[in-house]
Amino acid sequence: MSDITDPLTQEFQAPSPREMLKQRAKGHLGLLTGLGIVGLLALVAIFAPLLAPHDPYAQSLMTRMEPPVFLGGDWDHPLGTDHLGRDYLSRLIYGARVSLMIGAIAALISGVIGTTMGVAAGYFGGKVDAFVTFLINVRLAMPVVLVALAVVAILGGSLTVVICVLGLLLWDRFAVVMRASTLQISRRDYIAAARAVGASTPRILLTEIMPNIFNNLIVVITLEMAHAILLEATLSFLGLGVQPPTPSWGLMVSEGKNMMLFEPWLVLIPGAVLFVLVLAINLMGDGLRDVTAPENRS
């Protein structure tokens, strides 16, 4: 009898949640595209010393303003050189390090702050919710770019200052989304059942609340990571972000803007790479949200 039922059991056995997650991920074009581009740029940033054909800081006035290969340049500098004769491809490769590091660390800092505030406000309610809502309103009344410009102008532009400023300014979206998601989840029957059996508050937050708001958190993290990268490029473009000679895509656009009408590739190349990175991060976030959505876990 067991010989007959075992094949049937194996045939109709449901796949595990991990296998279902892999199947959904393999069929999501946006997720695969975003992960591929972000992963490729991350590898480029990690192995920049091995991939860069020249020292990104080395200057050579004899070879300044050489055009890229597709505009008649030579293969010694495939993407040409800037106004100081520095290899553009090498600076572009090292610039990926700056953008990805600033985006990831700033999103992590703001995510910890905003998620903690939002979950606390949504779960405890009352005075905690009122206080967090007040802080959110205060933050929303402050224009991010102007505040960042003022703080960086006072403290001085550097990589550390830019990361800290962006991390402390971009938590509001985390707090708003996590508060709304926690409010919705905390009213579910299984939360009441967990309280009824005596589960502690930290246990409920970690095992019941966080797994069910994780997909929303993923989306906000990717959005804020892309937002931080764009803000860093904006600050660097205005001369108050990453300071030269550190390679930064925003700084490269700023340095090439004076020659934009004569040598537009100085602006188009770093601008195009910045656009591709931000687009890929958004595609990755949307894909992860679709794959990990609670309605897809059954």
Protein backbone atom coordinates (compact mmCIF):
# COMPACT_ATOMS: atom_id res chain seq x y z
CA MET A 1 0.00 0.00 0.00
CA SER A 2 2.87 2.34 0.80
CA ASP A 3 4.35 1.66 -2.62
CA ILE A 4 1.18 3.05 -4.22
CA THR A 5 0.68 6.11 -2.03
CA ASP A 6 4.26 7.32 -1.85
CA PRO A 7 4.53 8.27 -5.57
CA LEU A 8 1.19 10.04 -5.35
CA THR A 9 2.31 11.93 -2.27
CA GLN A 10 5.52 12.95 -3.98
CA GLU A 11 3.65 13.96 -7.12
CA PHE A 12 1.23 16.28 -5.34
CA GLN A 13 3.65 17.56 -2.71
CA ALA A 14 3.67 21.37 -2.70
CA PRO A 15 7.01 23.08 -3.33
CA SER A 16 8.73 24.70 -0.37
CA PRO A 17 8.48 28.49 0.13
CA ARG A 18 12.13 28.86 -0.84
CA GLU A 19 11.58 27.01 -4.11
CA MET A 20 8.50 29.11 -4.87
CA LEU A 21 10.53 32.25 -4.17
CA LYS A 22 13.23 31.11 -6.60
CA GLN A 23 10.64 30.32 -9.27
CA ARG A 24 9.04 33.75 -8.98
CA ALA A 25 12.45 35.45 -9.03
CA LYS A 26 13.54 33.56 -12.16
CA GLY A 27 10.43 34.70 -14.01
CA HIS A 28 10.67 38.39 -13.08
CA LEU A 29 12.49 40.27 -15.85
CA GLY A 30 12.72 43.57 -13.98
CA LEU A 31 14.25 41.94 -10.92
CA LEU A 32 16.80 40.01 -12.97
CA THR A 33 17.73 43.11 -14.97
CA GLY A 34 18.11 45.30 -11.91
CA LEU A 35 20.08 42.69 -9.98
CA GLY A 36 22.33 42.08 -12.97
CA ILE A 37 23.21 45.75 -13.47
CA VAL A 38 23.63 46.53 -9.76
CA GLY A 39 25.66 43.34 -9.26
CA LEU A 40 27.88 44.18 -12.23
CA LEU A 41 28.52 47.72 -10.98
CA ALA A 42 29.19 46.38 -7.47
CA LEU A 43 31.80 44.00 -8.87
CA VAL A 44 33.32 46.84 -10.87
CA ALA A 45 33.54 48.94 -7.68
CA ILE A 46 35.06 46.09 -5.65
CA PHE A 47 37.67 45.20 -8.25
CA ALA A 48 38.33 48.77 -9.39
CA PRO A 49 42.12 48.56 -8.86
CA LEU A 50 42.24 45.53 -11.17
CA LEU A 51 39.88 46.89 -13.82
CA ALA A 52 41.01 50.51 -14.09
CA PRO A 53 43.55 50.86 -16.93
CA HIS A 54 45.18 53.94 -15.35
CA ASP A 55 45.55 55.70 -12.03
CA PRO A 56 42.37 57.81 -11.69
CA TYR A 57 44.37 60.59 -9.99
CA ALA A 58 47.29 60.71 -12.45
CA GLN A 59 47.37 63.91 -14.49
CA SER A 60 48.93 64.40 -17.91
CA LEU A 61 48.44 67.77 -19.54
CA MET A 62 49.96 66.42 -22.75
CA THR A 63 46.96 64.11 -23.20
CA ARG A 64 44.19 66.33 -21.87
CA MET A 65 40.74 66.35 -23.51
CA GLU A 66 41.34 63.30 -25.68
CA PRO A 67 38.02 62.06 -27.14
CA PRO A 68 36.67 58.56 -26.49
CA VAL A 69 37.23 55.72 -28.94
CA PHE A 70 33.80 56.06 -30.55
CA LEU A 71 34.64 59.67 -31.40
CA GLY A 72 38.05 58.96 -32.91
CA GLY A 73 40.20 58.51 -29.81
CA ASP A 74 42.71 55.75 -29.14
CA TRP A 75 42.37 52.61 -27.05
CA ASP A 76 44.92 53.76 -24.49
CA HIS A 77 42.09 55.93 -23.10
CA PRO A 78 38.87 54.20 -24.28
CA LEU A 79 36.59 56.90 -22.83
CA GLY A 80 39.01 59.77 -23.34
CA THR A 81 40.58 62.09 -20.76
CA ASP A 82 39.32 65.10 -18.81
CA HIS A 83 40.65 68.67 -18.64
CA LEU A 84 43.59 67.53 -16.50
CA GLY A 85 44.49 64.54 -18.64
CA ARG A 86 43.09 61.96 -16.21
CA ASP A 87 41.73 58.76 -17.71
CA TYR A 88 37.94 59.03 -17.85
CA LEU A 89 37.26 55.29 -17.71
CA SER A 90 39.39 54.87 -14.59
CA ARG A 91 37.63 57.75 -12.84
CA LEU A 92 34.27 56.31 -13.89
CA ILE A 93 35.17 52.92 -12.40
CA TYR A 94 36.36 54.41 -9.12
CA GLY A 95 33.32 56.69 -9.05
CA ALA A 96 31.11 53.60 -8.78
CA ARG A 97 32.68 52.98 -5.37
CA VAL A 98 31.68 56.41 -4.14
CA SER A 99 28.09 56.25 -5.41
CA LEU A 100 27.35 52.73 -4.20
CA MET A 101 28.98 53.29 -0.81
CA ILE A 102 27.13 56.54 -0.17
CA GLY A 103 23.82 55.09 -1.34
CA ALA A 104 24.09 51.89 0.70
CA ILE A 105 25.36 53.42 3.96
CA ALA A 106 22.99 56.42 3.85
CA ALA A 107 20.02 54.11 3.19
CA LEU A 108 21.13 51.84 6.06
CA ILE A 109 21.41 54.73 8.54
CA SER A 110 18.10 56.30 7.54
CA GLY A 111 16.46 52.86 7.43
CA VAL A 112 17.41 52.03 11.01
CA ILE A 113 16.18 55.41 12.26
CA GLY A 114 12.95 55.54 10.26
CA THR A 115 11.99 51.88 10.69
CA THR A 116 12.47 52.05 14.47
CA MET A 117 10.33 55.17 14.72
CA GLY A 118 7.65 53.93 12.34
CA VAL A 119 7.25 50.49 13.93
CA ALA A 120 7.15 51.98 17.42
CA ALA A 121 4.52 54.53 16.39
CA GLY A 122 2.35 51.97 14.59
CA TYR A 123 2.51 49.32 17.30
CA PHE A 124 2.29 51.33 20.53
CA GLY A 125 0.11 54.20 19.26
CA GLY A 126 -0.99 56.91 21.71
CA LYS A 127 1.67 59.38 22.80
CA VAL A 128 4.41 57.48 20.98
CA ASP A 129 2.50 57.77 17.71
CA ALA A 130 1.76 61.46 18.31
CA PHE A 131 5.42 62.20 19.04
CA VAL A 132 6.70 60.31 15.99
CA THR A 133 4.06 61.96 13.78
CA PHE A 134 5.23 65.36 15.05
CA LEU A 135 8.84 64.50 14.18
CA ILE A 136 7.78 63.33 10.71
CA ASN A 137 5.91 66.60 10.11
CA VAL A 138 8.93 68.60 11.24
CA ARG A 139 11.19 66.63 8.91
CA LEU A 140 8.79 66.99 5.96
CA ALA A 141 8.78 70.75 6.47
CA MET A 142 12.55 70.82 5.93
CA PRO A 143 13.70 70.81 2.26
CA VAL A 144 16.31 68.08 1.97
CA VAL A 145 18.54 69.72 -0.63
CA LEU A 146 18.66 73.10 1.10
CA VAL A 147 19.34 71.59 4.52
CA ALA A 148 22.03 69.31 3.08
CA LEU A 149 23.63 72.25 1.28
CA ALA A 150 23.64 74.33 4.48
CA VAL A 151 25.06 71.58 6.69
CA VAL A 152 27.73 70.54 4.19
CA ALA A 153 28.69 74.19 3.64
CA ILE A 154 29.15 74.62 7.42
CA LEU A 155 30.92 71.33 8.14
CA GLY A 156 32.82 71.10 4.86
CA GLY A 157 32.39 68.72 1.99
CA SER A 158 33.77 65.24 2.49
CA LEU A 159 32.68 61.65 1.98
CA THR A 160 31.94 61.11 5.68
CA VAL A 161 29.97 64.33 6.06
CA VAL A 162 27.87 63.62 2.97
CA ILE A 163 27.02 60.09 4.18
CA CYS A 164 26.05 61.28 7.67
CA VAL A 165 23.98 64.21 6.40
CA LEU A 166 22.05 62.09 3.91
CA GLY A 167 21.57 59.27 6.42
CA LEU A 168 20.10 61.68 8.98
CA LEU A 169 17.81 63.41 6.46
CA LEU A 170 16.22 60.56 4.50
CA TRP A 171 14.45 58.63 7.30
CA ASP A 172 11.01 60.22 6.87
CA ARG A 173 9.77 57.88 4.13
CA PHE A 174 10.83 54.86 6.18
CA ALA A 175 8.91 56.18 9.19
CA VAL A 176 5.74 56.95 7.21
CA VAL A 177 5.60 53.63 5.36
CA MET A 178 6.58 51.49 8.36
CA ARG A 179 4.05 53.27 10.59
CA ALA A 180 1.21 52.66 8.13
CA SER A 181 2.22 49.03 7.55
CA THR A 182 2.59 48.32 11.27
CA LEU A 183 -0.78 49.89 12.03
CA GLN A 184 -2.40 47.57 9.50
CA ILE A 185 -0.58 44.44 10.66
CA SER A 186 -1.03 45.07 14.40
CA ARG A 187 -4.81 44.79 14.04
CA ARG A 188 -4.69 41.28 12.60
CA ASP A 189 -6.03 38.29 14.52
CA TYR A 190 -2.69 36.51 14.77
CA ILE A 191 -1.20 39.51 16.60
CA ALA A 192 -4.06 39.36 19.12
CA ALA A 193 -3.51 35.62 19.43
CA ALA A 194 0.20 36.14 20.08
CA ARG A 195 -0.62 38.61 22.84
CA ALA A 196 -3.19 36.20 24.29
CA VAL A 197 -0.67 33.36 24.65
CA GLY A 198 1.74 35.69 26.44
CA ALA A 199 4.26 36.52 23.70
CA SER A 200 6.50 39.42 24.66
CA THR A 201 6.49 42.69 22.75
CA PRO A 202 10.00 42.19 21.24
CA ARG A 203 8.98 38.69 20.11
CA ILE A 204 5.82 39.99 18.44
CA LEU A 205 7.74 42.79 16.73
CA LEU A 206 10.53 40.54 15.47
CA THR A 207 8.57 37.40 14.52
CA GLU A 208 5.13 38.72 13.57
CA ILE A 209 5.41 42.38 12.54
CA MET A 210 8.78 42.63 10.77
CA PRO A 211 8.40 39.63 8.41
CA ASN A 212 5.07 41.01 7.17
CA ILE A 213 6.34 44.52 6.49
CA PHE A 214 9.67 43.38 5.04
CA ASN A 215 8.58 43.70 1.42
CA ASN A 216 7.55 47.34 1.99
CA LEU A 217 10.87 47.97 3.69
CA ILE A 218 12.74 46.60 0.67
CA VAL A 219 11.01 49.03 -1.66
CA VAL A 220 11.74 52.03 0.56
CA ILE A 221 15.39 51.01 0.98
CA THR A 222 15.92 50.87 -2.77
CA LEU A 223 14.10 54.16 -3.33
CA GLU A 224 16.14 55.92 -0.66
CA MET A 225 19.37 54.37 -1.90
CA ALA A 226 18.69 55.78 -5.36
CA HIS A 227 17.62 59.08 -3.77
CA ALA A 228 20.87 59.27 -1.79
CA ILE A 229 22.95 58.59 -4.90
CA LEU A 230 21.19 61.40 -6.78
CA LEU A 231 21.55 63.80 -3.85
CA GLU A 232 25.27 63.03 -3.59
CA ALA A 233 25.63 63.72 -7.30
CA THR A 234 23.72 67.00 -6.83
CA LEU A 235 25.91 68.11 -3.93
CA SER A 236 29.08 67.14 -5.80
CA PHE A 237 27.86 68.98 -8.89
CA LEU A 238 27.40 72.12 -6.79
CA GLY A 239 30.86 71.71 -5.27
CA LEU A 240 29.63 70.86 -1.75
CA GLY A 241 29.75 67.09 -1.91
CA VAL A 242 32.70 64.81 -2.53
CA GLN A 243 35.72 67.03 -3.05
CA PRO A 244 38.28 66.70 -5.87
CA PRO A 245 40.35 64.82 -6.76
CA THR A 246 38.13 61.99 -5.41
CA PRO A 247 36.31 60.41 -8.39
CA SER A 248 32.57 61.06 -8.24
CA TRP A 249 30.06 60.90 -11.06
CA GLY A 250 28.41 64.14 -9.95
CA LEU A 251 31.79 65.83 -9.71
CA MET A 252 32.70 64.56 -13.19
CA VAL A 253 29.52 66.14 -14.57
CA SER A 254 30.38 69.38 -12.77
CA GLU A 255 33.93 69.43 -14.13
CA GLY A 256 32.71 68.79 -17.67
CA LYS A 257 29.82 71.27 -17.73
CA ASN A 258 32.00 74.16 -18.94
CA MET A 259 32.91 72.15 -22.05
CA MET A 260 29.46 70.68 -22.56
CA LEU A 261 28.80 72.48 -25.85
CA PHE A 262 32.15 71.45 -27.32
CA GLU A 263 32.78 68.07 -25.70
CA PRO A 264 29.34 66.80 -24.59
CA TRP A 265 30.66 63.32 -23.81
CA LEU A 266 32.28 64.73 -20.65
CA VAL A 267 28.77 65.15 -19.22
CA LEU A 268 26.87 62.44 -21.08
CA ILE A 269 29.06 59.50 -20.02
CA PRO A 270 28.87 59.95 -16.22
CA GLY A 271 25.26 61.13 -16.51
CA ALA A 272 24.30 58.00 -18.46
CA VAL A 273 25.99 55.69 -15.95
CA LEU A 274 24.27 57.49 -13.07
CA PHE A 275 20.91 57.10 -14.84
CA VAL A 276 21.47 53.39 -15.45
CA LEU A 277 22.43 52.75 -11.81
CA VAL A 278 19.40 54.56 -10.38
CA LEU A 279 17.08 52.83 -12.84
CA ALA A 280 18.56 49.42 -12.00
CA ILE A 281 18.13 50.01 -8.25
CA ASN A 282 14.47 50.92 -8.76
CA LEU A 283 13.88 47.87 -10.96
CA MET A 284 15.52 45.68 -8.32
CA GLY A 285 13.34 47.16 -5.57
CA ASP A 286 10.11 46.71 -7.52
CA GLY A 287 11.08 43.14 -8.38
CA LEU A 288 11.92 42.23 -4.78
CA ARG A 289 8.60 43.71 -3.66
CA ASP A 290 6.70 41.60 -6.18
CA VAL A 291 8.58 38.42 -5.33
CA THR A 292 8.37 38.77 -1.54
CA ALA A 293 4.81 40.16 -1.33
CA PRO A 294 2.73 38.37 1.33
CA GLU A 295 -0.01 37.49 -1.17
CA ASN A 296 2.55 35.44 -3.13
CA ARG A 297 3.58 33.27 -0.18
CA SER A 298 0.67 30.86 -0.20
